[in-house]
Amino acid sequence: MKKKILKIIGIVVLLIVVLLIAAPFFLQGKIEKIIKDKVNNNIEATLDFASADLSLFSSFPNANVTINDLVLTNKAPFAGDTLFASKEISLELAITELFKDPSEAIGIKSLAVDGASVNIM
């Protein structure tokens, strides 16, 4: 009986680990789209970035989203002016925040910015 229980627990733990490894690959495109859509629909500027990477292990039990080469450019009347640029931005948030509807607000636990340039007019 004990062996059967241990075997079931082992299988459940293995499935959880496999899901944690596989989730970033399945959510990769979704996260980039959600970030761009949410920001671009809520500000009078255009956000663009090279890539957004998701890690579920580096800050477990939280998720870590890293955005690389981010640029925020102004729209009219000062179209093309760079308001903010950063080499890397790292966001830490609860894993449950990843599964919210795109129309819902996302809670961020921590924010780290590297290589930032801000243009204040």
PDB file of N, CA and C in Angstrom:
ATOM      1  N   MET A   1       0.819  -1.196   0.000  1.00  0.00           N
ATOM      2  CA  MET A   1       0.000   0.000   0.000  1.00  0.00           C
ATOM      3  C   MET A   1       0.862   1.259   0.000  1.00  0.00           C
ATOM      4  N   LYS A   2       1.933   1.255   0.825  1.00  0.00           N
ATOM      5  CA  LYS A   2       2.811   2.420   0.893  1.00  0.00           C
ATOM      6  C   LYS A   2       3.514   2.658  -0.431  1.00  0.00           C
ATOM      7  N   LYS A   3       3.909   1.581  -1.107  1.00  0.00           N
ATOM      8  CA  LYS A   3       4.588   1.722  -2.391  1.00  0.00           C
ATOM      9  C   LYS A   3       3.665   2.358  -3.423  1.00  0.00           C
ATOM     10  N   LYS A   4       2.403   1.987  -3.386  1.00  0.00           N
ATOM     11  CA  LYS A   4       1.438   2.536  -4.335  1.00  0.00           C
ATOM     12  C   LYS A   4       1.244   4.036  -4.099  1.00  0.00           C
ATOM     13  N   ILE A   5       1.148   4.432  -2.836  1.00  0.00           N
ATOM     14  CA  ILE A   5       0.989   5.855  -2.500  1.00  0.00           C
ATOM     15  C   ILE A   5       2.226   6.641  -2.919  1.00  0.00           C
ATOM     16  N   LEU A   6       3.408   6.117  -2.630  1.00  0.00           N
ATOM     17  CA  LEU A   6       4.644   6.788  -3.022  1.00  0.00           C
ATOM     18  C   LEU A   6       4.759   6.898  -4.540  1.00  0.00           C
ATOM     19  N   LYS A   7       4.317   5.869  -5.250  1.00  0.00           N
ATOM     20  CA  LYS A   7       4.358   5.887  -6.703  1.00  0.00           C
ATOM     21  C   LYS A   7       3.428   6.975  -7.249  1.00  0.00           C
ATOM     22  N   ILE A   8       2.243   7.097  -6.682  1.00  0.00           N
ATOM     23  CA  ILE A   8       1.286   8.126  -7.111  1.00  0.00           C
ATOM     24  C   ILE A   8       1.837   9.514  -6.816  1.00  0.00           C
ATOM     25  N   ILE A   9       2.400   9.702  -5.633  1.00  0.00           N
ATOM     26  CA  ILE A   9       2.985  11.000  -5.275  1.00  0.00           C
ATOM     27  C   ILE A   9       4.140  11.332  -6.216  1.00  0.00           C
ATOM     28  N   GLY A  10       4.970  10.362  -6.526  1.00  0.00           N
ATOM     29  CA  GLY A  10       6.082  10.564  -7.455  1.00  0.00           C
ATOM     30  C   GLY A  10       5.612  10.975  -8.839  1.00  0.00           C
ATOM     31  N   ILE A  11       4.561  10.351  -9.325  1.00  0.00           N
ATOM     32  CA  ILE A  11       4.014  10.689 -10.643  1.00  0.00           C
ATOM     33  C   ILE A  11       3.448  12.109 -10.638  1.00  0.00           C
ATOM     34  N   VAL A  12       2.736  12.479  -9.583  1.00  0.00           N
ATOM     35  CA  VAL A  12       2.171  13.829  -9.483  1.00  0.00           C
ATOM     36  C   VAL A  12       3.280  14.882  -9.453  1.00  0.00           C
ATOM     37  N   VAL A  13       4.316  14.648  -8.677  1.00  0.00           N
ATOM     38  CA  VAL A  13       5.444  15.588  -8.607  1.00  0.00           C
ATOM     39  C   VAL A  13       6.122  15.701  -9.969  1.00  0.00           C
ATOM     40  N   LEU A  14       6.325  14.579 -10.640  1.00  0.00           N
ATOM     41  CA  LEU A  14       6.931  14.583 -11.967  1.00  0.00           C
ATOM     42  C   LEU A  14       6.081  15.376 -12.963  1.00  0.00           C
ATOM     43  N   LEU A  15       4.774  15.202 -12.923  1.00  0.00           N
ATOM     44  CA  LEU A  15       3.887  15.956 -13.818  1.00  0.00           C
ATOM     45  C   LEU A  15       3.962  17.454 -13.553  1.00  0.00           C
ATOM     46  N   ILE A  16       4.026  17.840 -12.283  1.00  0.00           N
ATOM     47  CA  ILE A  16       4.132  19.265 -11.943  1.00  0.00           C
ATOM     48  C   ILE A  16       5.437  19.843 -12.488  1.00  0.00           C
ATOM     49  N   VAL A  17       6.536  19.121 -12.326  1.00  0.00           N
ATOM     50  CA  VAL A  17       7.830  19.586 -12.835  1.00  0.00           C
ATOM     51  C   VAL A  17       7.794  19.704 -14.356  1.00  0.00           C
ATOM     52  N   VAL A  18       7.219  18.733 -15.035  1.00  0.00           N
ATOM     53  CA  VAL A  18       7.117  18.779 -16.496  1.00  0.00           C
ATOM     54  C   VAL A  18       6.272  19.980 -16.926  1.00  0.00           C
ATOM     55  N   LEU A  19       5.172  20.251 -16.243  1.00  0.00           N
ATOM     56  CA  LEU A  19       4.344  21.410 -16.570  1.00  0.00           C
ATOM     57  C   LEU A  19       5.095  22.721 -16.358  1.00  0.00           C
ATOM     58  N   LEU A  20       5.874  22.813 -15.287  1.00  0.00           N
ATOM     59  CA  LEU A  20       6.653  24.028 -15.027  1.00  0.00           C
ATOM     60  C   LEU A  20       7.717  24.251 -16.095  1.00  0.00           C
ATOM     61  N   ILE A  21       8.261  23.172 -16.621  1.00  0.00           N
ATOM     62  CA  ILE A  21       9.265  23.288 -17.681  1.00  0.00           C
ATOM     63  C   ILE A  21       8.606  23.639 -19.013  1.00  0.00           C
ATOM     64  N   ALA A  22       7.461  23.048 -19.297  1.00  0.00           N
ATOM     65  CA  ALA A  22       6.803  23.226 -20.591  1.00  0.00           C
ATOM     66  C   ALA A  22       6.011  24.532 -20.703  1.00  0.00           C
ATOM     67  N   ALA A  23       5.494  25.043 -19.602  1.00  0.00           N
ATOM     68  CA  ALA A  23       4.638  26.228 -19.633  1.00  0.00           C
ATOM     69  C   ALA A  23       5.273  27.430 -20.323  1.00  0.00           C
ATOM     70  N   PRO A  24       6.535  27.767 -20.060  1.00  0.00           N
ATOM     71  CA  PRO A  24       7.119  28.928 -20.752  1.00  0.00           C
ATOM     72  C   PRO A  24       7.101  28.798 -22.271  1.00  0.00           C
ATOM     73  N   PHE A  25       7.261  27.597 -22.779  1.00  0.00           N
ATOM     74  CA  PHE A  25       7.248  27.399 -24.229  1.00  0.00           C
ATOM     75  C   PHE A  25       5.841  27.614 -24.798  1.00  0.00           C
ATOM     76  N   PHE A  26       4.816  27.176 -24.079  1.00  0.00           N
ATOM     77  CA  PHE A  26       3.443  27.344 -24.546  1.00  0.00           C
ATOM     78  C   PHE A  26       2.955  28.779 -24.400  1.00  0.00           C
ATOM     79  N   LEU A  27       3.441  29.495 -23.408  1.00  0.00           N
ATOM     80  CA  LEU A  27       2.976  30.854 -23.134  1.00  0.00           C
ATOM     81  C   LEU A  27       3.827  31.942 -23.781  1.00  0.00           C
ATOM     82  N   GLN A  28       4.930  31.575 -24.435  1.00  0.00           N
ATOM     83  CA  GLN A  28       5.882  32.540 -24.974  1.00  0.00           C
ATOM     84  C   GLN A  28       5.208  33.603 -25.859  1.00  0.00           C
ATOM     85  N   GLY A  29       4.560  33.204 -26.917  1.00  0.00           N
ATOM     86  CA  GLY A  29       3.919  34.151 -27.825  1.00  0.00           C
ATOM     87  C   GLY A  29       2.773  34.887 -27.175  1.00  0.00           C
ATOM     88  N   LYS A  30       2.052  34.221 -26.300  1.00  0.00           N
ATOM     89  CA  LYS A  30       0.912  34.824 -25.615  1.00  0.00           C
ATOM     90  C   LYS A  30       1.370  35.968 -24.714  1.00  0.00           C
ATOM     91  N   ILE A  31       2.466  35.776 -24.004  1.00  0.00           N
ATOM     92  CA  ILE A  31       2.951  36.808 -23.091  1.00  0.00           C
ATOM     93  C   ILE A  31       3.397  38.046 -23.862  1.00  0.00           C
ATOM     94  N   GLU A  32       4.151  37.863 -24.944  1.00  0.00           N
ATOM     95  CA  GLU A  32       4.588  39.002 -25.745  1.00  0.00           C
ATOM     96  C   GLU A  32       3.392  39.787 -26.281  1.00  0.00           C
ATOM     97  N   LYS A  33       2.388  39.088 -26.775  1.00  0.00           N
ATOM     98  CA  LYS A  33       1.194  39.746 -27.319  1.00  0.00           C
ATOM     99  C   LYS A  33       0.421  40.477 -26.228  1.00  0.00           C
ATOM    100  N   ILE A  34       0.254  39.850 -25.078  1.00  0.00           N
ATOM    101  CA  ILE A  34      -0.484  40.482 -23.979  1.00  0.00           C
ATOM    102  C   ILE A  34       0.213  41.757 -23.527  1.00  0.00           C
ATOM    103  N   ILE A  35       1.532  41.701 -23.368  1.00  0.00           N
ATOM    104  CA  ILE A  35       2.272  42.888 -22.921  1.00  0.00           C
ATOM    105  C   ILE A  35       2.103  44.024 -23.916  1.00  0.00           C
ATOM    106  N   LYS A  36       2.349  43.744 -25.182  1.00  0.00           N
ATOM    107  CA  LYS A  36       2.248  44.797 -26.203  1.00  0.00           C
ATOM    108  C   LYS A  36       0.823  45.349 -26.303  1.00  0.00           C
ATOM    109  N   ASP A  37      -0.175  44.469 -26.333  1.00  0.00           N
ATOM    110  CA  ASP A  37      -1.561  44.915 -26.457  1.00  0.00           C
ATOM    111  C   ASP A  37      -1.998  45.750 -25.264  1.00  0.00           C
ATOM    112  N   LYS A  38      -1.721  45.271 -24.048  1.00  0.00           N
ATOM    113  CA  LYS A  38      -2.147  45.991 -22.840  1.00  0.00           C
ATOM    114  C   LYS A  38      -1.521  47.376 -22.776  1.00  0.00           C
ATOM    115  N   VAL A  39      -0.223  47.454 -23.010  1.00  0.00           N
ATOM    116  CA  VAL A  39       0.456  48.748 -22.901  1.00  0.00           C
ATOM    117  C   VAL A  39       0.039  49.668 -24.035  1.00  0.00           C
ATOM    118  N   ASN A  40       0.064  49.192 -25.261  1.00  0.00           N
ATOM    119  CA  ASN A  40      -0.256  50.055 -26.402  1.00  0.00           C
ATOM    120  C   ASN A  40      -1.707  50.537 -26.392  1.00  0.00           C
ATOM    121  N   ASN A  41      -2.622  49.786 -25.785  1.00  0.00           N
ATOM    122  CA  ASN A  41      -4.022  50.207 -25.713  1.00  0.00           C
ATOM    123  C   ASN A  41      -4.297  51.168 -24.561  1.00  0.00           C
ATOM    124  N   ASN A  42      -3.346  51.297 -23.625  1.00  0.00           N
ATOM    125  CA  ASN A  42      -3.590  52.118 -22.447  1.00  0.00           C
ATOM    126  C   ASN A  42      -2.737  53.369 -22.355  1.00  0.00           C
ATOM    127  N   ILE A  43      -1.851  53.597 -23.290  1.00  0.00           N
ATOM    128  CA  ILE A  43      -1.032  54.812 -23.261  1.00  0.00           C
ATOM    129  C   ILE A  43      -1.014  55.458 -24.639  1.00  0.00           C
ATOM    130  N   GLU A  44      -0.654  56.733 -24.680  1.00  0.00           N
ATOM    131  CA  GLU A  44      -0.553  57.465 -25.943  1.00  0.00           C
ATOM    132  C   GLU A  44       0.881  57.403 -26.458  1.00  0.00           C
ATOM    133  N   ALA A  45       1.392  56.201 -26.595  1.00  0.00           N
ATOM    134  CA  ALA A  45       2.734  55.952 -27.100  1.00  0.00           C
ATOM    135  C   ALA A  45       2.757  54.527 -27.638  1.00  0.00           C
ATOM    136  N   THR A  46       3.868  54.151 -28.265  1.00  0.00           N
ATOM    137  CA  THR A  46       3.998  52.816 -28.827  1.00  0.00           C
ATOM    138  C   THR A  46       5.129  52.072 -28.127  1.00  0.00           C
ATOM    139  N   LEU A  47       4.812  50.905 -27.575  1.00  0.00           N
ATOM    140  CA  LEU A  47       5.789  50.057 -26.914  1.00  0.00           C
ATOM    141  C   LEU A  47       6.231  48.963 -27.868  1.00  0.00           C
ATOM    142  N   ASP A  48       7.531  48.752 -27.941  1.00  0.00           N
ATOM    143  CA  ASP A  48       8.057  47.655 -28.746  1.00  0.00           C
ATOM    144  C   ASP A  48       9.257  47.072 -28.014  1.00  0.00           C
ATOM    145  N   PHE A  49       9.502  45.789 -28.220  1.00  0.00           N
ATOM    146  CA  PHE A  49      10.652  45.132 -27.610  1.00  0.00           C
ATOM    147  C   PHE A  49      11.065  43.942 -28.454  1.00  0.00           C
ATOM    148  N   ALA A  50      12.319  43.517 -28.249  1.00  0.00           N
ATOM    149  CA  ALA A  50      12.870  42.414 -29.043  1.00  0.00           C
ATOM    150  C   ALA A  50      12.288  41.070 -28.617  1.00  0.00           C
ATOM    151  N   SER A  51      12.226  40.833 -27.306  1.00  0.00           N
ATOM    152  CA  SER A  51      11.716  39.545 -26.840  1.00  0.00           C
ATOM    153  C   SER A  51      11.254  39.649 -25.399  1.00  0.00           C
ATOM    154  N   ALA A  52      10.403  38.704 -25.027  1.00  0.00           N
ATOM    155  CA  ALA A  52       9.955  38.571 -23.639  1.00  0.00           C
ATOM    156  C   ALA A  52      10.111  37.103 -23.267  1.00  0.00           C
ATOM    157  N   ASP A  53      10.859  36.861 -22.205  1.00  0.00           N
ATOM    158  CA  ASP A  53      11.123  35.487 -21.768  1.00  0.00           C
ATOM    159  C   ASP A  53      10.442  35.227 -20.433  1.00  0.00           C
ATOM    160  N   LEU A  54       9.897  34.037 -20.282  1.00  0.00           N
ATOM    161  CA  LEU A  54       9.217  33.630 -19.062  1.00  0.00           C
ATOM    162  C   LEU A  54      10.021  32.546 -18.368  1.00  0.00           C
ATOM    163  N   SER A  55      10.199  32.693 -17.051  1.00  0.00           N
ATOM    164  CA  SER A  55      10.851  31.667 -16.253  1.00  0.00           C
ATOM    165  C   SER A  55      10.000  31.376 -15.032  1.00  0.00           C
ATOM    166  N   LEU A  56       9.749  30.115 -14.790  1.00  0.00           N
ATOM    167  CA  LEU A  56       8.979  29.721 -13.614  1.00  0.00           C
ATOM    168  C   LEU A  56       9.864  29.163 -12.511  1.00  0.00           C
ATOM    169  N   PHE A  57      11.167  28.987 -12.794  1.00  0.00           N
ATOM    170  CA  PHE A  57      12.071  28.404 -11.810  1.00  0.00           C
ATOM    171  C   PHE A  57      12.921  29.442 -11.076  1.00  0.00           C
ATOM    172  N   SER A  58      13.340  30.498 -11.752  1.00  0.00           N
ATOM    173  CA  SER A  58      14.295  31.440 -11.154  1.00  0.00           C
ATOM    174  C   SER A  58      13.755  32.152  -9.924  1.00  0.00           C
ATOM    175  N   SER A  59      12.463  32.330  -9.824  1.00  0.00           N
ATOM    176  CA  SER A  59      11.883  33.009  -8.660  1.00  0.00           C
ATOM    177  C   SER A  59      10.693  32.229  -8.106  1.00  0.00           C
ATOM    178  N   PHE A  60      10.753  30.906  -8.212  1.00  0.00           N
ATOM    179  CA  PHE A  60       9.652  30.049  -7.757  1.00  0.00           C
ATOM    180  C   PHE A  60       9.314  30.349  -6.305  1.00  0.00           C
ATOM    181  N   PRO A  61       8.079  30.514  -5.921  1.00  0.00           N
ATOM    182  CA  PRO A  61       6.833  30.156  -6.588  1.00  0.00           C
ATOM    183  C   PRO A  61       6.250  31.260  -7.468  1.00  0.00           C
ATOM    184  N   ASN A  62       7.015  32.295  -7.727  1.00  0.00           N
ATOM    185  CA  ASN A  62       6.560  33.366  -8.607  1.00  0.00           C
ATOM    186  C   ASN A  62       7.074  33.134 -10.021  1.00  0.00           C
ATOM    187  N   ALA A  63       6.495  33.861 -10.962  1.00  0.00           N
ATOM    188  CA  ALA A  63       6.960  33.830 -12.342  1.00  0.00           C
ATOM    189  C   ALA A  63       7.845  35.045 -12.567  1.00  0.00           C
ATOM    190  N   ASN A  64       8.809  34.919 -13.462  1.00  0.00           N
ATOM    191  CA  ASN A  64       9.686  36.020 -13.797  1.00  0.00           C
ATOM    192  C   ASN A  64       9.596  36.254 -15.299  1.00  0.00           C
ATOM    193  N   VAL A  65       9.213  37.475 -15.691  1.00  0.00           N
ATOM    194  CA  VAL A  65       9.129  37.845 -17.099  1.00  0.00           C
ATOM    195  C   VAL A  65      10.239  38.854 -17.366  1.00  0.00           C
ATOM    196  N   THR A  66      11.091  38.550 -18.342  1.00  0.00           N
ATOM    197  CA  THR A  66      12.184  39.448 -18.708  1.00  0.00           C
ATOM    198  C   THR A  66      11.922  39.980 -20.106  1.00  0.00           C
ATOM    199  N   ILE A  67      11.921  41.307 -20.224  1.00  0.00           N
ATOM    200  CA  ILE A  67      11.686  41.973 -21.505  1.00  0.00           C
ATOM    201  C   ILE A  67      13.014  42.580 -21.950  1.00  0.00           C
ATOM    202  N   ASN A  68      13.442  42.252 -23.169  1.00  0.00           N
ATOM    203  CA  ASN A  68      14.725  42.719 -23.683  1.00  0.00           C
ATOM    204  C   ASN A  68      14.553  43.798 -24.741  1.00  0.00           C
ATOM    205  N   ASP A  69      15.449  44.789 -24.704  1.00  0.00           N
ATOM    206  CA  ASP A  69      15.511  45.874 -25.697  1.00  0.00           C
ATOM    207  C   ASP A  69      14.164  46.577 -25.866  1.00  0.00           C
ATOM    208  N   LEU A  70      13.634  47.068 -24.778  1.00  0.00           N
ATOM    209  CA  LEU A  70      12.338  47.755 -24.783  1.00  0.00           C
ATOM    210  C   LEU A  70      12.507  49.208 -25.210  1.00  0.00           C
ATOM    211  N   VAL A  71      11.604  49.690 -26.054  1.00  0.00           N
ATOM    212  CA  VAL A  71      11.594  51.085 -26.496  1.00  0.00           C
ATOM    213  C   VAL A  71      10.157  51.588 -26.469  1.00  0.00           C
ATOM    214  N   LEU A  72       9.964  52.751 -25.859  1.00  0.00           N
ATOM    215  CA  LEU A  72       8.660  53.402 -25.806  1.00  0.00           C
ATOM    216  C   LEU A  72       8.768  54.710 -26.576  1.00  0.00           C
ATOM    217  N   THR A  73       8.060  54.797 -27.720  1.00  0.00           N
ATOM    218  CA  THR A  73       8.132  55.992 -28.563  1.00  0.00           C
ATOM    219  C   THR A  73       6.816  56.736 -28.538  1.00  0.00           C
ATOM    220  N   ASN A  74       6.924  58.041 -28.623  1.00  0.00           N
ATOM    221  CA  ASN A  74       5.769  58.927 -28.536  1.00  0.00           C
ATOM    222  C   ASN A  74       4.970  58.922 -29.832  1.00  0.00           C
ATOM    223  N   LYS A  75       3.673  59.204 -29.693  1.00  0.00           N
ATOM    224  CA  LYS A  75       2.801  59.406 -30.860  1.00  0.00           C
ATOM    225  C   LYS A  75       2.652  60.910 -31.068  1.00  0.00           C
ATOM    226  N   ALA A  76       1.809  61.326 -31.992  1.00  0.00           N
ATOM    227  CA  ALA A  76       1.606  62.737 -32.302  1.00  0.00           C
ATOM    228  C   ALA A  76       1.308  63.535 -31.030  1.00  0.00           C
ATOM    229  N   PRO A  77       1.731  64.735 -30.889  1.00  0.00           N
ATOM    230  CA  PRO A  77       2.387  65.613 -31.872  1.00  0.00           C
ATOM    231  C   PRO A  77       3.906  65.460 -31.932  1.00  0.00           C
ATOM    232  N   PHE A  78       4.502  64.671 -31.061  1.00  0.00           N
ATOM    233  CA  PHE A  78       5.953  64.476 -31.079  1.00  0.00           C
ATOM    234  C   PHE A  78       6.287  63.058 -31.527  1.00  0.00           C
ATOM    235  N   ALA A  79       5.712  62.651 -32.615  1.00  0.00           N
ATOM    236  CA  ALA A  79       5.868  61.280 -33.106  1.00  0.00           C
ATOM    237  C   ALA A  79       7.327  60.928 -33.332  1.00  0.00           C
ATOM    238  N   GLY A  80       7.703  59.744 -32.893  1.00  0.00           N
ATOM    239  CA  GLY A  80       9.049  59.256 -33.109  1.00  0.00           C
ATOM    240  C   GLY A  80      10.028  59.544 -31.994  1.00  0.00           C
ATOM    241  N   ASP A  81       9.689  60.430 -31.062  1.00  0.00           N
ATOM    242  CA  ASP A  81      10.582  60.722 -29.937  1.00  0.00           C
ATOM    243  C   ASP A  81      10.594  59.541 -28.975  1.00  0.00           C
ATOM    244  N   THR A  82      11.780  59.114 -28.567  1.00  0.00           N
ATOM    245  CA  THR A  82      11.911  58.008 -27.628  1.00  0.00           C
ATOM    246  C   THR A  82      11.706  58.535 -26.215  1.00  0.00           C
ATOM    247  N   LEU A  83      10.661  58.040 -25.553  1.00  0.00           N
ATOM    248  CA  LEU A  83      10.369  58.451 -24.185  1.00  0.00           C
ATOM    249  C   LEU A  83      11.138  57.619 -23.175  1.00  0.00           C
ATOM    250  N   PHE A  84      11.283  56.330 -23.468  1.00  0.00           N
ATOM    251  CA  PHE A  84      11.947  55.419 -22.553  1.00  0.00           C
ATOM    252  C   PHE A  84      12.572  54.286 -23.358  1.00  0.00           C
ATOM    253  N   ALA A  85      13.766  53.902 -22.958  1.00  0.00           N
ATOM    254  CA  ALA A  85      14.425  52.748 -23.574  1.00  0.00           C
ATOM    255  C   ALA A  85      15.162  52.001 -22.477  1.00  0.00           C
ATOM    256  N   SER A  86      15.220  50.697 -22.591  1.00  0.00           N
ATOM    257  CA  SER A  86      15.889  49.882 -21.592  1.00  0.00           C
ATOM    258  C   SER A  86      16.468  48.639 -22.235  1.00  0.00           C
ATOM    259  N   LYS A  87      17.645  48.266 -21.768  1.00  0.00           N
ATOM    260  CA  LYS A  87      18.280  47.042 -22.244  1.00  0.00           C
ATOM    261  C   LYS A  87      17.506  45.821 -21.749  1.00  0.00           C
ATOM    262  N   GLU A  88      17.077  45.864 -20.470  1.00  0.00           N
ATOM    263  CA  GLU A  88      16.350  44.724 -19.898  1.00  0.00           C
ATOM    264  C   GLU A  88      15.451  45.185 -18.754  1.00  0.00           C
ATOM    265  N   ILE A  89      14.244  44.638 -18.733  1.00  0.00           N
ATOM    266  CA  ILE A  89      13.306  44.865 -17.640  1.00  0.00           C
ATOM    267  C   ILE A  89      12.871  43.497 -17.141  1.00  0.00           C
ATOM    268  N   SER A  90      12.905  43.319 -15.819  1.00  0.00           N
ATOM    269  CA  SER A  90      12.515  42.053 -15.225  1.00  0.00           C
ATOM    270  C   SER A  90      11.338  42.278 -14.286  1.00  0.00           C
ATOM    271  N   LEU A  91      10.264  41.523 -14.508  1.00  0.00           N
ATOM    272  CA  LEU A  91       9.055  41.620 -13.700  1.00  0.00           C
ATOM    273  C   LEU A  91       8.840  40.317 -12.947  1.00  0.00           C
ATOM    274  N   GLU A  92       8.549  40.412 -11.669  1.00  0.00           N
ATOM    275  CA  GLU A  92       8.223  39.226 -10.885  1.00  0.00           C
ATOM    276  C   GLU A  92       6.755  39.314 -10.501  1.00  0.00           C
ATOM    277  N   LEU A  93       5.998  38.253 -10.775  1.00  0.00           N
ATOM    278  CA  LEU A  93       4.578  38.235 -10.479  1.00  0.00           C
ATOM    279  C   LEU A  93       4.140  36.830 -10.110  1.00  0.00           C
ATOM    280  N   ALA A  94       2.981  36.740  -9.490  1.00  0.00           N
ATOM    281  CA  ALA A  94       2.445  35.427  -9.115  1.00  0.00           C
ATOM    282  C   ALA A  94       2.128  34.633 -10.380  1.00  0.00           C
ATOM    283  N   ILE A  95       2.332  33.332 -10.323  1.00  0.00           N
ATOM    284  CA  ILE A  95       2.063  32.482 -11.486  1.00  0.00           C
ATOM    285  C   ILE A  95       0.608  32.601 -11.926  1.00  0.00           C
ATOM    286  N   THR A  96      -0.297  32.783 -10.983  1.00  0.00           N
ATOM    287  CA  THR A  96      -1.724  32.899 -11.320  1.00  0.00           C
ATOM    288  C   THR A  96      -2.012  34.119 -12.190  1.00  0.00           C
ATOM    289  N   GLU A  97      -1.163  35.148 -12.117  1.00  0.00           N
ATOM    290  CA  GLU A  97      -1.358  36.351 -12.938  1.00  0.00           C
ATOM    291  C   GLU A  97      -1.212  36.044 -14.432  1.00  0.00           C
ATOM    292  N   LEU A  98      -0.476  34.995 -14.757  1.00  0.00           N
ATOM    293  CA  LEU A  98      -0.256  34.636 -16.159  1.00  0.00           C
ATOM    294  C   LEU A  98      -1.525  34.119 -16.830  1.00  0.00           C
ATOM    295  N   PHE A  99      -2.458  33.626 -16.034  1.00  0.00           N
ATOM    296  CA  PHE A  99      -3.654  33.012 -16.588  1.00  0.00           C
ATOM    297  C   PHE A  99      -4.873  33.928 -16.532  1.00  0.00           C
ATOM    298  N   LYS A 100      -4.667  35.184 -16.196  1.00  0.00           N
ATOM    299  CA  LYS A 100      -5.774  36.132 -16.174  1.00  0.00           C
ATOM    300  C   LYS A 100      -6.164  36.512 -17.599  1.00  0.00           C
ATOM    301  N   ASP A 101      -7.391  36.949 -17.735  1.00  0.00           N
ATOM    302  CA  ASP A 101      -7.877  37.454 -19.011  1.00  0.00           C
ATOM    303  C   ASP A 101      -7.100  38.726 -19.370  1.00  0.00           C
ATOM    304  N   PRO A 102      -6.792  38.933 -20.654  1.00  0.00           N
ATOM    305  CA  PRO A 102      -6.045  40.149 -21.036  1.00  0.00           C
ATOM    306  C   PRO A 102      -6.720  41.455 -20.634  1.00  0.00           C
ATOM    307  N   SER A 103      -8.027  41.440 -20.389  1.00  0.00           N
ATOM    308  CA  SER A 103      -8.718  42.666 -19.995  1.00  0.00           C
ATOM    309  C   SER A 103      -8.550  42.974 -18.504  1.00  0.00           C
ATOM    310  N   GLU A 104      -8.045  42.008 -17.716  1.00  0.00           N
ATOM    311  CA  GLU A 104      -7.855  42.201 -16.284  1.00  0.00           C
ATOM    312  C   GLU A 104      -6.477  42.793 -15.980  1.00  0.00           C
ATOM    313  N   ALA A 105      -6.404  43.567 -14.893  1.00  0.00           N
ATOM    314  CA  ALA A 105      -5.130  44.126 -14.448  1.00  0.00           C
ATOM    315  C   ALA A 105      -4.236  43.015 -13.901  1.00  0.00           C
ATOM    316  N   ILE A 106      -2.938  43.163 -14.109  1.00  0.00           N
ATOM    317  CA  ILE A 106      -1.963  42.183 -13.630  1.00  0.00           C
ATOM    318  C   ILE A 106      -1.163  42.806 -12.500  1.00  0.00           C
ATOM    319  N   GLY A 107      -1.064  42.079 -11.373  1.00  0.00           N
ATOM    320  CA  GLY A 107      -0.307  42.561 -10.222  1.00  0.00           C
ATOM    321  C   GLY A 107       1.157  42.175 -10.332  1.00  0.00           C
ATOM    322  N   ILE A 108       2.045  43.158 -10.214  1.00  0.00           N
ATOM    323  CA  ILE A 108       3.488  42.930 -10.305  1.00  0.00           C
ATOM    324  C   ILE A 108       4.087  43.057  -8.915  1.00  0.00           C
ATOM    325  N   LYS A 109       4.865  42.049  -8.489  1.00  0.00           N
ATOM    326  CA  LYS A 109       5.476  42.049  -7.160  1.00  0.00           C
ATOM    327  C   LYS A 109       6.774  42.841  -7.121  1.00  0.00           C
ATOM    328  N   SER A 110       7.576  42.750  -8.182  1.00  0.00           N
ATOM    329  CA  SER A 110       8.814  43.529  -8.228  1.00  0.00           C
ATOM    330  C   SER A 110       9.161  43.866  -9.673  1.00  0.00           C
ATOM    331  N   LEU A 111       9.919  44.954  -9.823  1.00  0.00           N
ATOM    332  CA  LEU A 111      10.324  45.455 -11.130  1.00  0.00           C
ATOM    333  C   LEU A 111      11.792  45.841 -11.044  1.00  0.00           C
ATOM    334  N   ALA A 112      12.611  45.328 -11.969  1.00  0.00           N
ATOM    335  CA  ALA A 112      14.028  45.689 -12.038  1.00  0.00           C
ATOM    336  C   ALA A 112      14.330  46.157 -13.461  1.00  0.00           C
ATOM    337  N   VAL A 113      15.008  47.301 -13.568  1.00  0.00           N
ATOM    338  CA  VAL A 113      15.313  47.894 -14.867  1.00  0.00           C
ATOM    339  C   VAL A 113      16.823  48.008 -15.011  1.00  0.00           C
ATOM    340  N   ASP A 114      17.348  47.583 -16.168  1.00  0.00           N
ATOM    341  CA  ASP A 114      18.787  47.647 -16.426  1.00  0.00           C
ATOM    342  C   ASP A 114      19.031  48.414 -17.721  1.00  0.00           C
ATOM    343  N   GLY A 115      19.954  49.361 -17.684  1.00  0.00           N
ATOM    344  CA  GLY A 115      20.325  50.116 -18.876  1.00  0.00           C
ATOM    345  C   GLY A 115      19.232  51.021 -19.378  1.00  0.00           C
ATOM    346  N   ALA A 116      18.596  51.772 -18.480  1.00  0.00           N
ATOM    347  CA  ALA A 116      17.451  52.602 -18.852  1.00  0.00           C
ATOM    348  C   ALA A 116      17.867  53.995 -19.292  1.00  0.00           C
ATOM    349  N   SER A 117      17.095  54.544 -20.211  1.00  0.00           N
ATOM    350  CA  SER A 117      17.242  55.924 -20.672  1.00  0.00           C
ATOM    351  C   SER A 117      15.849  56.534 -20.723  1.00  0.00           C
ATOM    352  N   VAL A 118      15.661  57.657 -20.004  1.00  0.00           N
ATOM    353  CA  VAL A 118      14.354  58.307 -19.931  1.00  0.00           C
ATOM    354  C   VAL A 118      14.466  59.694 -20.532  1.00  0.00           C
ATOM    355  N   ASN A 119      13.536  60.058 -21.417  1.00  0.00           N
ATOM    356  CA  ASN A 119      13.497  61.375 -22.044  1.00  0.00           C
ATOM    357  C   ASN A 119      12.263  62.108 -21.517  1.00  0.00           C
ATOM    358  N   ILE A 120      12.491  63.107 -20.675  1.00  0.00           N
ATOM    359  CA  ILE A 120      11.381  63.878 -20.087  1.00  0.00           C
ATOM    360  C   ILE A 120      11.301  65.214 -20.804  1.00  0.00           C
ATOM    361  N   MET A 121      10.138  65.498 -21.341  1.00  0.00           N
ATOM    362  CA  MET A 121       9.954  66.751 -22.092  1.00  0.00           C
ATOM    363  C   MET A 121       9.372  67.808 -21.217  1.00  0.00           C
TER     364      MET A 121
END
